[in-house]
PDB file of N, CA and C in Angstrom:
ATOM      1  N   MET A   1       2.350  11.097 -15.049  1.00  0.00           N
ATOM      2  CA  MET A   1       2.275  11.167 -13.615  1.00  0.00           C
ATOM      3  C   MET A   1       3.076  12.390 -13.172  1.00  0.00           C
ATOM      4  N   ASN A   2       2.464  13.203 -12.337  1.00  0.00           N
ATOM      5  CA  ASN A   2       3.188  14.386 -11.869  1.00  0.00           C
ATOM      6  C   ASN A   2       3.949  14.082 -10.578  1.00  0.00           C
ATOM      7  N   VAL A   3       4.737  15.024 -10.129  1.00  0.00           N
ATOM      8  CA  VAL A   3       5.612  14.836  -8.974  1.00  0.00           C
ATOM      9  C   VAL A   3       4.801  14.563  -7.706  1.00  0.00           C
ATOM     10  N   THR A   4       3.713  15.264  -7.525  1.00  0.00           N
ATOM     11  CA  THR A   4       2.875  15.079  -6.341  1.00  0.00           C
ATOM     12  C   THR A   4       2.315  13.660  -6.283  1.00  0.00           C
ATOM     13  N   GLN A   5       1.843  13.159  -7.413  1.00  0.00           N
ATOM     14  CA  GLN A   5       1.306  11.799  -7.446  1.00  0.00           C
ATOM     15  C   GLN A   5       2.399  10.772  -7.198  1.00  0.00           C
ATOM     16  N   ALA A   6       3.569  10.990  -7.772  1.00  0.00           N
ATOM     17  CA  ALA A   6       4.685  10.068  -7.558  1.00  0.00           C
ATOM     18  C   ALA A   6       5.079  10.046  -6.082  1.00  0.00           C
ATOM     19  N   GLU A   7       5.115  11.198  -5.468  1.00  0.00           N
ATOM     20  CA  GLU A   7       5.449  11.287  -4.047  1.00  0.00           C
ATOM     21  C   GLU A   7       4.383  10.592  -3.193  1.00  0.00           C
ATOM     22  N   SER A   8       3.138  10.786  -3.519  1.00  0.00           N
ATOM     23  CA  SER A   8       2.050  10.135  -2.794  1.00  0.00           C
ATOM     24  C   SER A   8       2.135   8.616  -2.926  1.00  0.00           C
ATOM     25  N   LEU A   9       2.428   8.153  -4.108  1.00  0.00           N
ATOM     26  CA  LEU A   9       2.570   6.719  -4.350  1.00  0.00           C
ATOM     27  C   LEU A   9       3.768   6.162  -3.578  1.00  0.00           C
ATOM     28  N   ARG A  10       4.885   6.879  -3.597  1.00  0.00           N
ATOM     29  CA  ARG A  10       6.071   6.441  -2.864  1.00  0.00           C
ATOM     30  C   ARG A  10       5.790   6.361  -1.365  1.00  0.00           C
ATOM     31  N   ARG A  11       5.119   7.365  -0.814  1.00  0.00           N
ATOM     32  CA  ARG A  11       4.797   7.363   0.617  1.00  0.00           C
ATOM     33  C   ARG A  11       3.870   6.212   0.975  1.00  0.00           C
ATOM     34  N   ALA A  12       2.895   5.932   0.118  1.00  0.00           N
ATOM     35  CA  ALA A  12       1.961   4.834   0.388  1.00  0.00           C
ATOM     36  C   ALA A  12       2.679   3.483   0.378  1.00  0.00           C
ATOM     37  N   ILE A  13       3.612   3.306  -0.549  1.00  0.00           N
ATOM     38  CA  ILE A  13       4.389   2.062  -0.605  1.00  0.00           C
ATOM     39  C   ILE A  13       5.258   1.943   0.643  1.00  0.00           C
ATOM     40  N   GLU A  14       5.932   3.013   1.008  1.00  0.00           N
ATOM     41  CA  GLU A  14       6.772   2.989   2.200  1.00  0.00           C
ATOM     42  C   GLU A  14       5.951   2.711   3.452  1.00  0.00           C
ATOM     43  N   ASN A  15       4.760   3.280   3.536  1.00  0.00           N
ATOM     44  CA  ASN A  15       3.885   3.071   4.681  1.00  0.00           C
ATOM     45  C   ASN A  15       3.492   1.591   4.795  1.00  0.00           C
ATOM     46  N   LEU A  16       3.204   0.957   3.669  1.00  0.00           N
ATOM     47  CA  LEU A  16       2.842  -0.461   3.681  1.00  0.00           C
ATOM     48  C   LEU A  16       4.033  -1.317   4.102  1.00  0.00           C
ATOM     49  N   VAL A  17       5.199  -1.021   3.571  1.00  0.00           N
ATOM     50  CA  VAL A  17       6.409  -1.759   3.955  1.00  0.00           C
ATOM     51  C   VAL A  17       6.667  -1.583   5.452  1.00  0.00           C
ATOM     52  N   ASP A  18       6.562  -0.351   5.937  1.00  0.00           N
ATOM     53  CA  ASP A  18       6.783  -0.090   7.361  1.00  0.00           C
ATOM     54  C   ASP A  18       5.780  -0.847   8.233  1.00  0.00           C
ATOM     55  N   ALA A  19       4.514  -0.858   7.821  1.00  0.00           N
ATOM     56  CA  ALA A  19       3.481  -1.562   8.593  1.00  0.00           C
ATOM     57  C   ALA A  19       3.788  -3.053   8.660  1.00  0.00           C
ATOM     58  N   LYS A  20       4.220  -3.619   7.548  1.00  0.00           N
ATOM     59  CA  LYS A  20       4.534  -5.049   7.535  1.00  0.00           C
ATOM     60  C   LYS A  20       5.773  -5.341   8.368  1.00  0.00           C
ATOM     61  N   LEU A  21       6.797  -4.499   8.265  1.00  0.00           N
ATOM     62  CA  LEU A  21       8.007  -4.700   9.075  1.00  0.00           C
ATOM     63  C   LEU A  21       7.694  -4.575  10.564  1.00  0.00           C
ATOM     64  N   HIS A  22       6.903  -3.594  10.908  1.00  0.00           N
ATOM     65  CA  HIS A  22       6.526  -3.412  12.308  1.00  0.00           C
ATOM     66  C   HIS A  22       5.774  -4.638  12.817  1.00  0.00           C
ATOM     67  N   ASP A  23       4.865  -5.155  12.025  1.00  0.00           N
ATOM     68  CA  ASP A  23       4.091  -6.332  12.415  1.00  0.00           C
ATOM     69  C   ASP A  23       5.007  -7.542  12.607  1.00  0.00           C
ATOM     70  N   ILE A  24       5.963  -7.718  11.698  1.00  0.00           N
ATOM     71  CA  ILE A  24       6.893  -8.852  11.786  1.00  0.00           C
ATOM     72  C   ILE A  24       7.757  -8.747  13.040  1.00  0.00           C
ATOM     73  N   LEU A  25       8.263  -7.548  13.302  1.00  0.00           N
ATOM     74  CA  LEU A  25       9.234  -7.379  14.382  1.00  0.00           C
ATOM     75  C   LEU A  25       8.610  -7.234  15.762  1.00  0.00           C
ATOM     76  N   SER A  26       7.370  -6.815  15.834  1.00  0.00           N
ATOM     77  CA  SER A  26       6.778  -6.517  17.136  1.00  0.00           C
ATOM     78  C   SER A  26       5.896  -7.626  17.700  1.00  0.00           C
ATOM     79  N   HIS A  27       5.614  -8.642  16.911  1.00  0.00           N
ATOM     80  CA  HIS A  27       4.758  -9.729  17.386  1.00  0.00           C
ATOM     81  C   HIS A  27       5.504 -11.056  17.332  1.00  0.00           C
ATOM     82  N   PRO A  28       5.279 -11.898  18.334  1.00  0.00           N
ATOM     83  CA  PRO A  28       5.857 -13.243  18.256  1.00  0.00           C
ATOM     84  C   PRO A  28       5.311 -13.959  17.016  1.00  0.00           C
ATOM     85  N   GLY A  29       6.155 -14.656  16.328  1.00  0.00           N
ATOM     86  CA  GLY A  29       5.714 -15.364  15.124  1.00  0.00           C
ATOM     87  C   GLY A  29       5.375 -14.416  13.996  1.00  0.00           C
ATOM     88  N   GLY A  30       6.014 -13.259  13.965  1.00  0.00           N
ATOM     89  CA  GLY A  30       5.695 -12.236  12.976  1.00  0.00           C
ATOM     90  C   GLY A  30       5.861 -12.698  11.537  1.00  0.00           C
ATOM     91  N   LEU A  31       6.892 -13.465  11.286  1.00  0.00           N
ATOM     92  CA  LEU A  31       7.112 -13.959   9.926  1.00  0.00           C
ATOM     93  C   LEU A  31       5.999 -14.926   9.513  1.00  0.00           C
ATOM     94  N   ASP A  32       5.553 -15.737  10.463  1.00  0.00           N
ATOM     95  CA  ASP A  32       4.426 -16.637  10.189  1.00  0.00           C
ATOM     96  C   ASP A  32       3.153 -15.842   9.928  1.00  0.00           C
ATOM     97  N   ARG A  33       2.975 -14.729  10.664  1.00  0.00           N
ATOM     98  CA  ARG A  33       1.810 -13.854  10.439  1.00  0.00           C
ATOM     99  C   ARG A  33       1.821 -13.296   9.022  1.00  0.00           C
ATOM    100  N   LEU A  34       3.007 -12.868   8.573  1.00  0.00           N
ATOM    101  CA  LEU A  34       3.126 -12.317   7.227  1.00  0.00           C
ATOM    102  C   LEU A  34       2.826 -13.386   6.177  1.00  0.00           C
ATOM    103  N   ALA A  35       3.350 -14.587   6.387  1.00  0.00           N
ATOM    104  CA  ALA A  35       3.085 -15.679   5.451  1.00  0.00           C
ATOM    105  C   ALA A  35       1.590 -16.021   5.432  1.00  0.00           C
ATOM    106  N   ALA A  36       0.961 -16.011   6.599  1.00  0.00           N
ATOM    107  CA  ALA A  36      -0.482 -16.288   6.671  1.00  0.00           C
ATOM    108  C   ALA A  36      -1.272 -15.209   5.934  1.00  0.00           C
ATOM    109  N   HIS A  37      -0.822 -13.965   6.059  1.00  0.00           N
ATOM    110  CA  HIS A  37      -1.490 -12.877   5.342  1.00  0.00           C
ATOM    111  C   HIS A  37      -1.402 -13.095   3.836  1.00  0.00           C
ATOM    112  N   ARG A  38      -0.246 -13.534   3.361  1.00  0.00           N
ATOM    113  CA  ARG A  38      -0.070 -13.790   1.920  1.00  0.00           C
ATOM    114  C   ARG A  38      -1.009 -14.899   1.451  1.00  0.00           C
ATOM    115  N   ARG A  39      -1.206 -15.911   2.292  1.00  0.00           N
ATOM    116  CA  ARG A  39      -2.056 -17.042   1.900  1.00  0.00           C
ATOM    117  C   ARG A  39      -3.541 -16.737   2.027  1.00  0.00           C
ATOM    118  N   THR A  40      -3.935 -16.044   3.092  1.00  0.00           N
ATOM    119  CA  THR A  40      -5.358 -15.894   3.397  1.00  0.00           C
ATOM    120  C   THR A  40      -5.902 -14.491   3.150  1.00  0.00           C
ATOM    121  N   GLY A  41      -5.035 -13.496   3.130  1.00  0.00           N
ATOM    122  CA  GLY A  41      -5.500 -12.123   2.971  1.00  0.00           C
ATOM    123  C   GLY A  41      -5.914 -11.484   4.281  1.00  0.00           C
ATOM    124  N   VAL A  42      -5.805 -12.220   5.392  1.00  0.00           N
ATOM    125  CA  VAL A  42      -6.154 -11.687   6.705  1.00  0.00           C
ATOM    126  C   VAL A  42      -4.917 -11.000   7.282  1.00  0.00           C
ATOM    127  N   ALA A  43      -5.076  -9.736   7.651  1.00  0.00           N
ATOM    128  CA  ALA A  43      -3.928  -8.974   8.148  1.00  0.00           C
ATOM    129  C   ALA A  43      -4.356  -8.099   9.312  1.00  0.00           C
ATOM    130  N   SER A  44      -3.370  -7.526   9.977  1.00  0.00           N
ATOM    131  CA  SER A  44      -3.647  -6.618  11.080  1.00  0.00           C
ATOM    132  C   SER A  44      -4.312  -5.346  10.548  1.00  0.00           C
ATOM    133  N   TYR A  45      -4.897  -4.607  11.467  1.00  0.00           N
ATOM    134  CA  TYR A  45      -5.571  -3.364  11.099  1.00  0.00           C
ATOM    135  C   TYR A  45      -4.612  -2.397  10.400  1.00  0.00           C
ATOM    136  N   ASP A  46      -3.403  -2.252  10.956  1.00  0.00           N
ATOM    137  CA  ASP A  46      -2.433  -1.311  10.380  1.00  0.00           C
ATOM    138  C   ASP A  46      -2.059  -1.692   8.952  1.00  0.00           C
ATOM    139  N   ILE A  47      -1.885  -2.967   8.696  1.00  0.00           N
ATOM    140  CA  ILE A  47      -1.553  -3.412   7.339  1.00  0.00           C
ATOM    141  C   ILE A  47      -2.734  -3.182   6.405  1.00  0.00           C
ATOM    142  N   ARG A  48      -3.933  -3.486   6.855  1.00  0.00           N
ATOM    143  CA  ARG A  48      -5.114  -3.250   6.011  1.00  0.00           C
ATOM    144  C   ARG A  48      -5.268  -1.779   5.656  1.00  0.00           C
ATOM    145  N   MET A  49      -5.027  -0.891   6.626  1.00  0.00           N
ATOM    146  CA  MET A  49      -5.140   0.551   6.366  1.00  0.00           C
ATOM    147  C   MET A  49      -4.040   1.008   5.404  1.00  0.00           C
ATOM    148  N   ALA A  50      -2.836   0.487   5.551  1.00  0.00           N
ATOM    149  CA  ALA A  50      -1.749   0.839   4.638  1.00  0.00           C
ATOM    150  C   ALA A  50      -2.052   0.347   3.229  1.00  0.00           C
ATOM    151  N   GLU A  51      -2.636  -0.849   3.122  1.00  0.00           N
ATOM    152  CA  GLU A  51      -3.024  -1.361   1.803  1.00  0.00           C
ATOM    153  C   GLU A  51      -4.106  -0.490   1.181  1.00  0.00           C
ATOM    154  N   ARG A  52      -5.044  -0.037   2.004  1.00  0.00           N
ATOM    155  CA  ARG A  52      -6.125   0.824   1.505  1.00  0.00           C
ATOM    156  C   ARG A  52      -5.565   2.145   0.985  1.00  0.00           C
ATOM    157  N   LYS A  53      -4.595   2.725   1.709  1.00  0.00           N
ATOM    158  CA  LYS A  53      -3.982   3.985   1.263  1.00  0.00           C
ATOM    159  C   LYS A  53      -3.218   3.797  -0.044  1.00  0.00           C
ATOM    160  N   LEU A  54      -2.555   2.655  -0.187  1.00  0.00           N
ATOM    161  CA  LEU A  54      -1.852   2.371  -1.437  1.00  0.00           C
ATOM    162  C   LEU A  54      -2.854   2.207  -2.576  1.00  0.00           C
ATOM    163  N   ASP A  55      -3.949   1.510  -2.335  1.00  0.00           N
ATOM    164  CA  ASP A  55      -4.987   1.367  -3.363  1.00  0.00           C
ATOM    165  C   ASP A  55      -5.520   2.729  -3.789  1.00  0.00           C
ATOM    166  N   GLN A  56      -5.723   3.621  -2.826  1.00  0.00           N
ATOM    167  CA  GLN A  56      -6.213   4.964  -3.146  1.00  0.00           C
ATOM    168  C   GLN A  56      -5.204   5.738  -3.978  1.00  0.00           C
ATOM    169  N   ALA A  57      -3.930   5.643  -3.616  1.00  0.00           N
ATOM    170  CA  ALA A  57      -2.886   6.354  -4.368  1.00  0.00           C
ATOM    171  C   ALA A  57      -2.809   5.836  -5.801  1.00  0.00           C
ATOM    172  N   ILE A  58      -2.881   4.527  -5.964  1.00  0.00           N
ATOM    173  CA  ILE A  58      -2.851   3.937  -7.314  1.00  0.00           C
ATOM    174  C   ILE A  58      -4.066   4.376  -8.100  1.00  0.00           C
ATOM    175  N   SER A  59      -5.222   4.368  -7.464  1.00  0.00           N
ATOM    176  CA  SER A  59      -6.454   4.789  -8.137  1.00  0.00           C
ATOM    177  C   SER A  59      -6.364   6.237  -8.612  1.00  0.00           C
ATOM    178  N   GLU A  60      -5.788   7.106  -7.801  1.00  0.00           N
ATOM    179  CA  GLU A  60      -5.640   8.511  -8.192  1.00  0.00           C
ATOM    180  C   GLU A  60      -4.726   8.647  -9.412  1.00  0.00           C
ATOM    181  N   VAL A  61      -3.639   7.890  -9.430  1.00  0.00           N
ATOM    182  CA  VAL A  61      -2.713   7.941 -10.565  1.00  0.00           C
ATOM    183  C   VAL A  61      -3.390   7.430 -11.830  1.00  0.00           C
ATOM    184  N   VAL A  62      -4.083   6.307 -11.725  1.00  0.00           N
ATOM    185  CA  VAL A  62      -4.747   5.715 -12.890  1.00  0.00           C
ATOM    186  C   VAL A  62      -5.838   6.645 -13.413  1.00  0.00           C
ATOM    187  N   THR A  63      -6.619   7.219 -12.515  1.00  0.00           N
ATOM    188  CA  THR A  63      -7.667   8.147 -12.921  1.00  0.00           C
ATOM    189  C   THR A  63      -7.087   9.355 -13.612  1.00  0.00           C
ATOM    190  N   HIS A  64      -6.004   9.890 -13.064  1.00  0.00           N
ATOM    191  CA  HIS A  64      -5.350  11.053 -13.677  1.00  0.00           C
ATOM    192  C   HIS A  64      -4.815  10.713 -15.060  1.00  0.00           C
ATOM    193  N   GLU A  65      -4.156   9.561 -15.173  1.00  0.00           N
ATOM    194  CA  GLU A  65      -3.598   9.152 -16.474  1.00  0.00           C
ATOM    195  C   GLU A  65      -4.707   8.929 -17.499  1.00  0.00           C
ATOM    196  N   ALA A  66      -5.815   8.336 -17.074  1.00  0.00           N
ATOM    197  CA  ALA A  66      -6.931   8.111 -17.998  1.00  0.00           C
ATOM    198  C   ALA A  66      -7.521   9.441 -18.451  1.00  0.00           C
ATOM    199  N   THR A  67      -7.644  10.381 -17.531  1.00  0.00           N
ATOM    200  CA  THR A  67      -8.169  11.713 -17.867  1.00  0.00           C
ATOM    201  C   THR A  67      -7.241  12.424 -18.839  1.00  0.00           C
ATOM    202  N   MET A  68      -5.941  12.308 -18.598  1.00  0.00           N
ATOM    203  CA  MET A  68      -4.969  12.968 -19.471  1.00  0.00           C
ATOM    204  C   MET A  68      -4.964  12.355 -20.868  1.00  0.00           C
ATOM    205  N   SER A  69      -5.146  11.044 -20.974  1.00  0.00           N
ATOM    206  CA  SER A  69      -5.129  10.415 -22.288  1.00  0.00           C
ATOM    207  C   SER A  69      -6.392  10.756 -23.092  1.00  0.00           C
ATOM    208  N   VAL A  70      -7.509  10.941 -22.420  1.00  0.00           N
ATOM    209  CA  VAL A  70      -8.745  11.332 -23.102  1.00  0.00           C
ATOM    210  C   VAL A  70      -8.657  12.791 -23.542  1.00  0.00           C
ATOM    211  N   ALA A  71      -8.099  13.644 -22.674  1.00  0.00           N
ATOM    212  CA  ALA A  71      -8.000  15.065 -22.992  1.00  0.00           C
ATOM    213  C   ALA A  71      -6.934  15.356 -24.032  1.00  0.00           C
ATOM    214  N   GLY A  72      -5.913  14.510 -24.077  1.00  0.00           N
ATOM    215  CA  GLY A  72      -4.773  14.784 -24.958  1.00  0.00           C
ATOM    216  C   GLY A  72      -4.968  14.176 -26.277  1.00  0.00           C
TER     217      GLY A  72
END
Protein backbone atom coordinates (compact mmCIF):
# COMPACT_ATOMS: atom_id res chain seq x y z
CA MET A 1 0.00 0.00 0.00
CA ASN A 2 1.45 3.36 -0.94
CA VAL A 3 1.18 6.61 1.00
CA THR A 4 -1.57 8.04 -1.20
CA GLN A 5 -3.76 4.97 -0.71
CA ALA A 6 -3.15 4.96 3.03
CA GLU A 7 -4.10 8.63 3.22
CA SER A 8 -7.24 8.03 1.17
CA LEU A 9 -8.23 5.14 3.41
CA ARG A 10 -7.59 7.20 6.55
CA ARG A 11 -9.70 10.09 5.23
CA ALA A 12 -12.56 7.75 4.31
CA ILE A 13 -12.54 6.21 7.80
CA GLU A 14 -12.47 9.63 9.44
CA ASN A 15 -15.31 10.81 7.19
CA LEU A 16 -17.46 7.84 8.26
CA VAL A 17 -16.71 8.42 11.94
CA ASP A 18 -17.51 12.13 11.55
CA ALA A 19 -20.79 11.37 9.75
CA LYS A 20 -21.86 9.00 12.51
CA LEU A 21 -20.87 11.43 15.28
CA HIS A 22 -22.70 14.25 13.57
CA ASP A 23 -25.81 12.09 13.22
CA ILE A 24 -25.67 11.08 16.90
CA LEU A 25 -25.15 14.61 18.18
CA SER A 26 -27.44 16.54 15.87
CA HIS A 27 -30.62 14.46 16.04
CA PRO A 28 -32.84 13.62 18.99
CA GLY A 29 -32.38 9.97 19.84
CA GLY A 30 -29.12 9.89 17.91
CA LEU A 31 -27.70 6.97 19.83
CA ASP A 32 -30.87 4.98 19.15
CA ARG A 33 -30.52 5.88 15.45
CA LEU A 34 -26.98 4.51 15.43
CA ALA A 35 -28.08 1.31 17.17
CA ALA A 36 -30.93 0.92 14.67
CA HIS A 37 -28.46 1.36 11.82
CA ARG A 38 -26.30 -1.43 13.26
CA ARG A 39 -29.33 -3.74 13.46
CA THR A 40 -31.10 -2.91 10.20
CA GLY A 41 -28.52 -1.31 7.93
CA VAL A 42 -30.80 1.71 7.41
CA ALA A 43 -28.85 4.94 7.81
CA SER A 44 -28.97 8.61 6.92
CA TYR A 45 -27.85 9.77 3.50
CA ASP A 46 -24.59 11.20 4.87
CA ILE A 47 -23.67 7.92 6.57
CA ARG A 48 -24.51 5.91 3.45
CA MET A 49 -22.32 8.19 1.31
CA ALA A 50 -19.45 7.95 3.82
CA GLU A 51 -19.77 4.15 3.81
CA ARG A 52 -19.72 4.16 0.00
CA LYS A 53 -16.52 6.26 -0.04
CA LEU A 54 -14.89 3.88 2.44
CA ASP A 55 -15.91 0.89 0.29
CA GLN A 56 -14.35 2.60 -2.74
CA ALA A 57 -11.11 3.33 -0.87
CA ILE A 58 -10.87 -0.28 0.31
CA SER A 59 -11.59 -1.54 -3.19
CA GLU A 60 -8.79 0.61 -4.63
CA VAL A 61 -6.31 -0.72 -2.06
CA VAL A 62 -7.32 -4.35 -2.65
CA THR A 63 -7.18 -3.95 -6.42
CA HIS A 64 -3.76 -2.34 -6.21
CA GLU A 65 -2.44 -5.06 -3.90
CA ALA A 66 -3.81 -7.80 -6.16
CA THR A 67 -2.20 -6.16 -9.20
CA MET A 68 1.12 -5.84 -7.39
CA SER A 69 1.10 -9.48 -6.28
CA VAL A 70 0.41 -10.71 -9.83
CA ALA A 71 3.08 -8.44 -11.32
CA GLY A 72 5.65 -9.21 -8.64
